[in-house]
Amino acid sequence: MRRRRIFAWEITGFVFVSLLGSFLHFVFALLDGWPPAALIAAVNESVWEHLKLAFWPSLIYSLIEWPFFRGQIKDFWTAKTIGIMSMPIVIVSLFYGYTTLAGRNFLWADISLFVLAVLTGQMISYRILTSRPFASRTRILAAILLLAMIAAFSLLTYFPPRHPLFLDPRAGEYGVLK
């Protein structure tokens, strides 16, 4: 019964993250470029900004989920961190892989990658949530990694490095566009 309950939560998370992430693609424009919205919403068409669309909804859903599992699963945040970390890895690897082969990107493929990455992250989280506990040092490492991701996703839209991951291919610029 416990596995089915966790699986239901993770599938609900897949739907939640997919829908909220899709909505966040348009929020910055809908709010007429309101700078605080740039924290969680995509501000341009760079790959980095699309990674935020998986990260923030996943973190929000984890915060919603946490009270229902608190005290029942020792590795909750470890599972969530590893699941969340897997999403950008899937997106970046498959996006650059297929665009290198195809010579360009396709909207249908980009959307499919996003959905696949979210599903992968939720299923990795499920596997960890239903497996044996990790050592405490693994939990500490996961906490450090989660804090590092929060810092990166909070700051790098406003202060992007000059790297192709952060380049808006349409505007040829980085970060929050004027």
C-alpha atoms as a PDB file:
ATOM      1  CA  MET A   1       0.000   0.000   0.000  1.00  0.00           C
ATOM      2  CA  ARG A   2       2.837   2.405   0.828  1.00  0.00           C
ATOM      3  CA  ARG A   3       4.365   1.996  -2.643  1.00  0.00           C
ATOM      4  CA  ARG A   4       1.029   2.687  -4.333  1.00  0.00           C
ATOM      5  CA  ARG A   5       0.521   5.809  -2.241  1.00  0.00           C
ATOM      6  CA  ILE A   6       4.002   7.112  -3.099  1.00  0.00           C
ATOM      7  CA  PHE A   7       3.486   6.229  -6.770  1.00  0.00           C
ATOM      8  CA  ALA A   8       0.201   8.167  -6.810  1.00  0.00           C
ATOM      9  CA  TRP A   9       1.953  11.187  -5.309  1.00  0.00           C
ATOM     10  CA  GLU A  10       4.750  11.004  -7.878  1.00  0.00           C
ATOM     11  CA  ILE A  11       2.356  10.688 -10.829  1.00  0.00           C
ATOM     12  CA  THR A  12       0.368  13.630  -9.466  1.00  0.00           C
ATOM     13  CA  GLY A  13       3.682  15.474  -9.233  1.00  0.00           C
ATOM     14  CA  PHE A  14       4.408  14.644 -12.866  1.00  0.00           C
ATOM     15  CA  VAL A  15       1.118  16.247 -13.917  1.00  0.00           C
ATOM     16  CA  PHE A  16       1.591  19.224 -11.569  1.00  0.00           C
ATOM     17  CA  VAL A  17       5.160  19.945 -12.693  1.00  0.00           C
ATOM     18  CA  SER A  18       4.324  19.471 -16.384  1.00  0.00           C
ATOM     19  CA  LEU A  19       1.358  21.850 -16.236  1.00  0.00           C
ATOM     20  CA  LEU A  20       2.903  24.483 -13.982  1.00  0.00           C
ATOM     21  CA  GLY A  21       6.181  24.368 -15.909  1.00  0.00           C
ATOM     22  CA  SER A  22       4.316  24.879 -19.175  1.00  0.00           C
ATOM     23  CA  PHE A  23       2.426  27.822 -17.699  1.00  0.00           C
ATOM     24  CA  LEU A  24       5.622  29.388 -16.344  1.00  0.00           C
ATOM     25  CA  HIS A  25       6.951  29.544 -19.887  1.00  0.00           C
ATOM     26  CA  PHE A  26       4.534  32.452 -20.478  1.00  0.00           C
ATOM     27  CA  VAL A  27       4.281  34.129 -17.066  1.00  0.00           C
ATOM     28  CA  PHE A  28       7.110  36.634 -17.493  1.00  0.00           C
ATOM     29  CA  ALA A  29       5.605  37.941 -20.737  1.00  0.00           C
ATOM     30  CA  LEU A  30       2.080  37.912 -19.284  1.00  0.00           C
ATOM     31  CA  LEU A  31       3.328  40.062 -16.393  1.00  0.00           C
ATOM     32  CA  ASP A  32       4.946  42.465 -18.869  1.00  0.00           C
ATOM     33  CA  GLY A  33       8.498  41.627 -17.829  1.00  0.00           C
ATOM     34  CA  TRP A  34       7.995  42.156 -14.087  1.00  0.00           C
ATOM     35  CA  PRO A  35      11.529  41.487 -12.714  1.00  0.00           C
ATOM     36  CA  PRO A  36      10.527  39.371  -9.659  1.00  0.00           C
ATOM     37  CA  ALA A  37       8.688  36.954 -11.973  1.00  0.00           C
ATOM     38  CA  ALA A  38      12.043  36.228 -13.625  1.00  0.00           C
ATOM     39  CA  LEU A  39      12.989  34.242 -10.548  1.00  0.00           C
ATOM     40  CA  ILE A  40      10.759  31.313 -11.507  1.00  0.00           C
ATOM     41  CA  ALA A  41       9.453  32.056 -15.004  1.00  0.00           C
ATOM     42  CA  ALA A  42      11.303  31.790 -18.300  1.00  0.00           C
ATOM     43  CA  VAL A  43      12.534  35.213 -19.423  1.00  0.00           C
ATOM     44  CA  ASN A  44      13.892  34.170 -22.821  1.00  0.00           C
ATOM     45  CA  GLU A  45      14.348  31.138 -25.064  1.00  0.00           C
ATOM     46  CA  SER A  46      17.704  29.959 -23.696  1.00  0.00           C
ATOM     47  CA  VAL A  47      18.110  26.377 -22.576  1.00  0.00           C
ATOM     48  CA  TRP A  48      18.803  27.625 -19.031  1.00  0.00           C
ATOM     49  CA  GLU A  49      15.446  29.359 -18.809  1.00  0.00           C
ATOM     50  CA  HIS A  50      13.721  26.157 -19.869  1.00  0.00           C
ATOM     51  CA  LEU A  51      15.489  24.231 -17.116  1.00  0.00           C
ATOM     52  CA  LYS A  52      13.843  26.550 -14.586  1.00  0.00           C
ATOM     53  CA  LEU A  53      10.454  25.356 -15.857  1.00  0.00           C
ATOM     54  CA  ALA A  54      11.171  21.920 -14.413  1.00  0.00           C
ATOM     55  CA  PHE A  55      13.136  23.017 -11.349  1.00  0.00           C
ATOM     56  CA  TRP A  56      10.793  25.470  -9.637  1.00  0.00           C
ATOM     57  CA  PRO A  57       7.545  23.490 -10.090  1.00  0.00           C
ATOM     58  CA  SER A  58       9.354  20.360  -8.845  1.00  0.00           C
ATOM     59  CA  LEU A  59      10.592  22.173  -5.770  1.00  0.00           C
ATOM     60  CA  ILE A  60       7.135  23.664  -5.137  1.00  0.00           C
ATOM     61  CA  TYR A  61       5.516  20.242  -5.474  1.00  0.00           C
ATOM     62  CA  SER A  62       8.098  18.734  -3.122  1.00  0.00           C
ATOM     63  CA  LEU A  63       7.188  21.375  -0.528  1.00  0.00           C
ATOM     64  CA  ILE A  64       3.499  20.473  -0.954  1.00  0.00           C
ATOM     65  CA  GLU A  65       4.290  16.757  -0.676  1.00  0.00           C
ATOM     66  CA  TRP A  66       6.663  17.028   2.290  1.00  0.00           C
ATOM     67  CA  PRO A  67       4.066  17.357   5.114  1.00  0.00           C
ATOM     68  CA  PHE A  68       2.360  14.149   3.967  1.00  0.00           C
ATOM     69  CA  PHE A  69       5.599  12.121   4.196  1.00  0.00           C
ATOM     70  CA  ARG A  70       7.378  13.927   7.011  1.00  0.00           C
ATOM     71  CA  GLY A  71       8.664  11.453   9.560  1.00  0.00           C
ATOM     72  CA  GLN A  72       7.752   8.481   7.357  1.00  0.00           C
ATOM     73  CA  ILE A  73      10.570   8.584   4.800  1.00  0.00           C
ATOM     74  CA  LYS A  74      14.113   9.436   5.912  1.00  0.00           C
ATOM     75  CA  ASP A  75      15.358  10.087   2.398  1.00  0.00           C
ATOM     76  CA  PHE A  76      12.521  12.314   1.213  1.00  0.00           C
ATOM     77  CA  TRP A  77      14.743  15.303   0.376  1.00  0.00           C
ATOM     78  CA  THR A  78      17.487  13.061  -0.991  1.00  0.00           C
ATOM     79  CA  ALA A  79      14.965  11.470  -3.354  1.00  0.00           C
ATOM     80  CA  LYS A  80      13.581  14.836  -4.369  1.00  0.00           C
ATOM     81  CA  THR A  81      17.031  16.338  -4.911  1.00  0.00           C
ATOM     82  CA  ILE A  82      18.216  13.473  -7.104  1.00  0.00           C
ATOM     83  CA  GLY A  83      14.929  13.479  -9.034  1.00  0.00           C
ATOM     84  CA  ILE A  84      15.096  17.235  -9.550  1.00  0.00           C
ATOM     85  CA  MET A  85      18.786  17.044 -10.561  1.00  0.00           C
ATOM     86  CA  SER A  86      17.999  14.427 -13.192  1.00  0.00           C
ATOM     87  CA  MET A  87      15.580  16.715 -15.043  1.00  0.00           C
ATOM     88  CA  PRO A  88      18.121  19.250 -16.350  1.00  0.00           C
ATOM     89  CA  ILE A  89      20.532  16.414 -17.131  1.00  0.00           C
ATOM     90  CA  VAL A  90      17.902  14.749 -19.335  1.00  0.00           C
ATOM     91  CA  ILE A  91      16.870  18.027 -20.971  1.00  0.00           C
ATOM     92  CA  VAL A  92      20.403  19.240 -21.718  1.00  0.00           C
ATOM     93  CA  SER A  93      21.705  15.857 -22.895  1.00  0.00           C
ATOM     94  CA  LEU A  94      18.811  15.062 -25.184  1.00  0.00           C
ATOM     95  CA  PHE A  95      18.307  18.629 -26.446  1.00  0.00           C
ATOM     96  CA  TYR A  96      21.927  19.106 -27.484  1.00  0.00           C
ATOM     97  CA  GLY A  97      22.063  15.528 -28.750  1.00  0.00           C
ATOM     98  CA  TYR A  98      19.089  15.750 -31.065  1.00  0.00           C
ATOM     99  CA  THR A  99      19.785  19.320 -32.227  1.00  0.00           C
ATOM    100  CA  THR A 100      23.348  18.356 -33.099  1.00  0.00           C
ATOM    101  CA  LEU A 101      22.050  15.491 -35.238  1.00  0.00           C
ATOM    102  CA  ALA A 102      19.098  17.385 -36.727  1.00  0.00           C
ATOM    103  CA  GLY A 103      20.856  20.718 -37.127  1.00  0.00           C
ATOM    104  CA  ARG A 104      17.987  22.569 -35.444  1.00  0.00           C
ATOM    105  CA  ASN A 105      15.365  22.218 -32.761  1.00  0.00           C
ATOM    106  CA  PHE A 106      11.705  21.297 -33.139  1.00  0.00           C
ATOM    107  CA  LEU A 107       9.004  22.564 -30.790  1.00  0.00           C
ATOM    108  CA  TRP A 108       7.309  19.160 -30.546  1.00  0.00           C
ATOM    109  CA  ALA A 109      10.637  17.555 -29.610  1.00  0.00           C
ATOM    110  CA  ASP A 110      11.402  20.255 -27.028  1.00  0.00           C
ATOM    111  CA  ILE A 111       8.008  19.767 -25.379  1.00  0.00           C
ATOM    112  CA  SER A 112       8.450  15.987 -25.453  1.00  0.00           C
ATOM    113  CA  LEU A 113      11.891  16.327 -23.831  1.00  0.00           C
ATOM    114  CA  PHE A 114      10.452  18.468 -21.071  1.00  0.00           C
ATOM    115  CA  VAL A 115       7.696  15.926 -20.350  1.00  0.00           C
ATOM    116  CA  LEU A 116      10.173  13.023 -20.502  1.00  0.00           C
ATOM    117  CA  ALA A 117      12.559  14.832 -18.136  1.00  0.00           C
ATOM    118  CA  VAL A 118       9.784  15.496 -15.620  1.00  0.00           C
ATOM    119  CA  LEU A 119       8.609  11.879 -15.807  1.00  0.00           C
ATOM    120  CA  THR A 120      12.178  10.656 -15.370  1.00  0.00           C
ATOM    121  CA  GLY A 121      12.703  12.887 -12.339  1.00  0.00           C
ATOM    122  CA  GLN A 122       9.477  11.764 -10.695  1.00  0.00           C
ATOM    123  CA  MET A 123      10.223   8.079 -11.322  1.00  0.00           C
ATOM    124  CA  ILE A 124      13.764   8.404  -9.955  1.00  0.00           C
ATOM    125  CA  SER A 125      12.276  10.075  -6.902  1.00  0.00           C
ATOM    126  CA  TYR A 126       9.765   7.211  -6.576  1.00  0.00           C
ATOM    127  CA  ARG A 127      12.516   4.587  -6.767  1.00  0.00           C
ATOM    128  CA  ILE A 128      14.525   6.287  -4.034  1.00  0.00           C
ATOM    129  CA  LEU A 129      11.479   6.926  -1.856  1.00  0.00           C
ATOM    130  CA  THR A 130      10.636   3.218  -1.962  1.00  0.00           C
ATOM    131  CA  SER A 131      14.171   1.891  -1.476  1.00  0.00           C
ATOM    132  CA  ARG A 132      16.377   1.397   1.560  1.00  0.00           C
ATOM    133  CA  PRO A 133      17.648   4.519   3.309  1.00  0.00           C
ATOM    134  CA  PHE A 134      20.940   6.144   2.375  1.00  0.00           C
ATOM    135  CA  ALA A 135      23.740   6.963   4.783  1.00  0.00           C
ATOM    136  CA  SER A 136      23.415  10.282   6.594  1.00  0.00           C
ATOM    137  CA  ARG A 137      26.332  11.765   4.628  1.00  0.00           C
ATOM    138  CA  THR A 138      24.331  11.186   1.431  1.00  0.00           C
ATOM    139  CA  ARG A 139      21.460  13.193   2.918  1.00  0.00           C
ATOM    140  CA  ILE A 140      23.883  15.987   3.794  1.00  0.00           C
ATOM    141  CA  LEU A 141      25.301  15.991   0.271  1.00  0.00           C
ATOM    142  CA  ALA A 142      21.773  16.068  -1.165  1.00  0.00           C
ATOM    143  CA  ALA A 143      20.910  19.056   1.027  1.00  0.00           C
ATOM    144  CA  ILE A 144      24.021  20.901  -0.164  1.00  0.00           C
ATOM    145  CA  LEU A 145      23.196  20.101  -3.803  1.00  0.00           C
ATOM    146  CA  LEU A 146      19.599  21.269  -3.396  1.00  0.00           C
ATOM    147  CA  LEU A 147      20.747  24.548  -1.845  1.00  0.00           C
ATOM    148  CA  ALA A 148      23.257  24.983  -4.684  1.00  0.00           C
ATOM    149  CA  MET A 149      20.503  24.437  -7.263  1.00  0.00           C
ATOM    150  CA  ILE A 150      18.246  26.947  -5.508  1.00  0.00           C
ATOM    151  CA  ALA A 151      21.078  29.486  -5.539  1.00  0.00           C
ATOM    152  CA  ALA A 152      21.893  28.842  -9.201  1.00  0.00           C
ATOM    153  CA  PHE A 153      18.293  28.983 -10.385  1.00  0.00           C
ATOM    154  CA  SER A 154      17.728  32.113  -8.275  1.00  0.00           C
ATOM    155  CA  LEU A 155      20.741  34.070  -9.493  1.00  0.00           C
ATOM    156  CA  LEU A 156      21.773  33.011 -12.977  1.00  0.00           C
ATOM    157  CA  THR A 157      18.794  34.535 -14.763  1.00  0.00           C
ATOM    158  CA  TYR A 158      19.757  37.914 -13.350  1.00  0.00           C
ATOM    159  CA  PHE A 159      23.534  37.353 -13.675  1.00  0.00           C
ATOM    160  CA  PRO A 160      24.030  34.864 -16.520  1.00  0.00           C
ATOM    161  CA  PRO A 161      27.508  33.770 -17.564  1.00  0.00           C
ATOM    162  CA  ARG A 162      28.418  34.229 -21.219  1.00  0.00           C
ATOM    163  CA  HIS A 163      27.898  30.572 -22.089  1.00  0.00           C
ATOM    164  CA  PRO A 164      25.746  29.014 -24.841  1.00  0.00           C
ATOM    165  CA  LEU A 165      23.449  27.436 -22.226  1.00  0.00           C
ATOM    166  CA  PHE A 166      22.350  30.949 -21.215  1.00  0.00           C
ATOM    167  CA  LEU A 167      22.158  32.495 -24.693  1.00  0.00           C
ATOM    168  CA  ASP A 168      18.743  33.348 -26.089  1.00  0.00           C
ATOM    169  CA  PRO A 169      19.114  32.170 -29.702  1.00  0.00           C
ATOM    170  CA  ARG A 170      16.375  34.520 -30.925  1.00  0.00           C
ATOM    171  CA  ALA A 171      17.659  37.743 -29.359  1.00  0.00           C
ATOM    172  CA  GLY A 172      21.340  36.836 -29.179  1.00  0.00           C
ATOM    173  CA  GLU A 173      21.413  38.075 -25.591  1.00  0.00           C
ATOM    174  CA  TYR A 174      21.649  36.672 -22.071  1.00  0.00           C
ATOM    175  CA  GLY A 175      19.396  36.796 -18.997  1.00  0.00           C
ATOM    176  CA  VAL A 176      16.501  39.168 -18.459  1.00  0.00           C
ATOM    177  CA  LEU A 177      15.945  40.956 -21.735  1.00  0.00           C
ATOM    178  CA  LYS A 178      14.900  44.596 -21.763  1.00  0.00           C
END
